[in-house]
């Protein structure tokens, strides 16, 4: 009898933990548009840095 109660309690805790994990992942996810804009800015900054570095070395 006691093992059935513990089994149900453990399953309930496991379900709550899984749902909590899923909700945190959905809330904290960065949108694709934001990620693409950030990546484009980074690539542009690197291009400008490399372009300036070539002029200094030569």
C-alpha atoms as a PDB file:
ATOM      1  CA  UNK A   1       0.000   0.000   0.000  1.00  0.00           C
ATOM      2  CA  UNK A   2       2.754   2.414   0.969  1.00  0.00           C
ATOM      3  CA  UNK A   3       4.744   1.651  -2.196  1.00  0.00           C
ATOM      4  CA  UNK A   4       1.750   2.569  -4.376  1.00  0.00           C
ATOM      5  CA  UNK A   5       1.463   5.951  -2.659  1.00  0.00           C
ATOM      6  CA  UNK A   6       5.183   6.668  -3.099  1.00  0.00           C
ATOM      7  CA  UNK A   7       5.031   5.590  -6.715  1.00  0.00           C
ATOM      8  CA  UNK A   8       2.190   8.047  -7.395  1.00  0.00           C
ATOM      9  CA  UNK A   9       4.004  10.835  -5.545  1.00  0.00           C
ATOM     10  CA  UNK A  10       7.199  10.235  -7.521  1.00  0.00           C
ATOM     11  CA  UNK A  11       5.338  10.169 -10.824  1.00  0.00           C
ATOM     12  CA  UNK A  12       3.557  13.423  -9.918  1.00  0.00           C
ATOM     13  CA  UNK A  13       6.886  15.082  -9.039  1.00  0.00           C
ATOM     14  CA  UNK A  14       8.397  13.845 -12.302  1.00  0.00           C
ATOM     15  CA  UNK A  15       5.493  15.229 -14.357  1.00  0.00           C
ATOM     16  CA  UNK A  16       5.683  18.604 -12.609  1.00  0.00           C
ATOM     17  CA  UNK A  17       9.464  18.777 -13.172  1.00  0.00           C
ATOM     18  CA  UNK A  18       9.065  17.972 -16.882  1.00  0.00           C
ATOM     19  CA  UNK A  19       6.360  20.588 -17.348  1.00  0.00           C
ATOM     20  CA  UNK A  20       8.436  23.168 -15.485  1.00  0.00           C
ATOM     21  CA  UNK A  21      11.428  22.407 -17.708  1.00  0.00           C
ATOM     22  CA  UNK A  22       9.362  22.728 -20.887  1.00  0.00           C
ATOM     23  CA  UNK A  23       7.839  26.043 -19.788  1.00  0.00           C
ATOM     24  CA  UNK A  24      11.261  27.488 -18.931  1.00  0.00           C
ATOM     25  CA  UNK A  25      12.618  26.499 -22.331  1.00  0.00           C
ATOM     26  CA  UNK A  26       9.672  28.080 -24.150  1.00  0.00           C
ATOM     27  CA  UNK A  27       9.830  31.322 -22.159  1.00  0.00           C
ATOM     28  CA  UNK A  28      13.608  31.752 -22.400  1.00  0.00           C
ATOM     29  CA  UNK A  29      13.900  30.965 -26.101  1.00  0.00           C
ATOM     30  CA  UNK A  30      15.326  33.687 -28.364  1.00  0.00           C
ATOM     31  CA  UNK A  31      13.363  34.327 -31.521  1.00  0.00           C
ATOM     32  CA  UNK A  32      14.916  33.487 -34.890  1.00  0.00           C
ATOM     33  CA  UNK A  33      14.648  37.100 -36.041  1.00  0.00           C
ATOM     34  CA  UNK A  34      16.631  38.369 -33.046  1.00  0.00           C
ATOM     35  CA  UNK A  35      19.251  35.669 -33.505  1.00  0.00           C
ATOM     36  CA  UNK A  36      19.633  36.468 -37.218  1.00  0.00           C
ATOM     37  CA  UNK A  37      20.014  40.212 -36.589  1.00  0.00           C
ATOM     38  CA  UNK A  38      22.598  39.642 -33.870  1.00  0.00           C
ATOM     39  CA  UNK A  39      24.563  37.311 -36.115  1.00  0.00           C
ATOM     40  CA  UNK A  40      24.474  39.785 -39.006  1.00  0.00           C
ATOM     41  CA  UNK A  41      25.727  42.620 -36.778  1.00  0.00           C
ATOM     42  CA  UNK A  42      28.563  40.444 -35.497  1.00  0.00           C
ATOM     43  CA  UNK A  43      29.608  39.456 -39.021  1.00  0.00           C
ATOM     44  CA  UNK A  44      29.532  43.098 -40.158  1.00  0.00           C
ATOM     45  CA  UNK A  45      31.676  44.168 -37.201  1.00  0.00           C
ATOM     46  CA  UNK A  46      34.189  41.416 -37.946  1.00  0.00           C
ATOM     47  CA  UNK A  47      34.316  42.415 -41.604  1.00  0.00           C
ATOM     48  CA  UNK A  48      34.942  46.049 -40.703  1.00  0.00           C
ATOM     49  CA  UNK A  49      37.606  45.056 -38.157  1.00  0.00           C
ATOM     50  CA  UNK A  50      39.423  42.866 -40.689  1.00  0.00           C
ATOM     51  CA  UNK A  51      39.148  45.582 -43.320  1.00  0.00           C
ATOM     52  CA  UNK A  52      40.692  48.136 -40.922  1.00  0.00           C
ATOM     53  CA  UNK A  53      43.407  45.675 -39.873  1.00  0.00           C
ATOM     54  CA  UNK A  54      44.503  45.125 -43.467  1.00  0.00           C
ATOM     55  CA  UNK A  55      44.990  48.873 -43.973  1.00  0.00           C
ATOM     56  CA  UNK A  56      47.080  49.202 -40.805  1.00  0.00           C
ATOM     57  CA  UNK A  57      49.417  46.303 -41.640  1.00  0.00           C
ATOM     58  CA  UNK A  58      50.078  47.462 -45.199  1.00  0.00           C
END
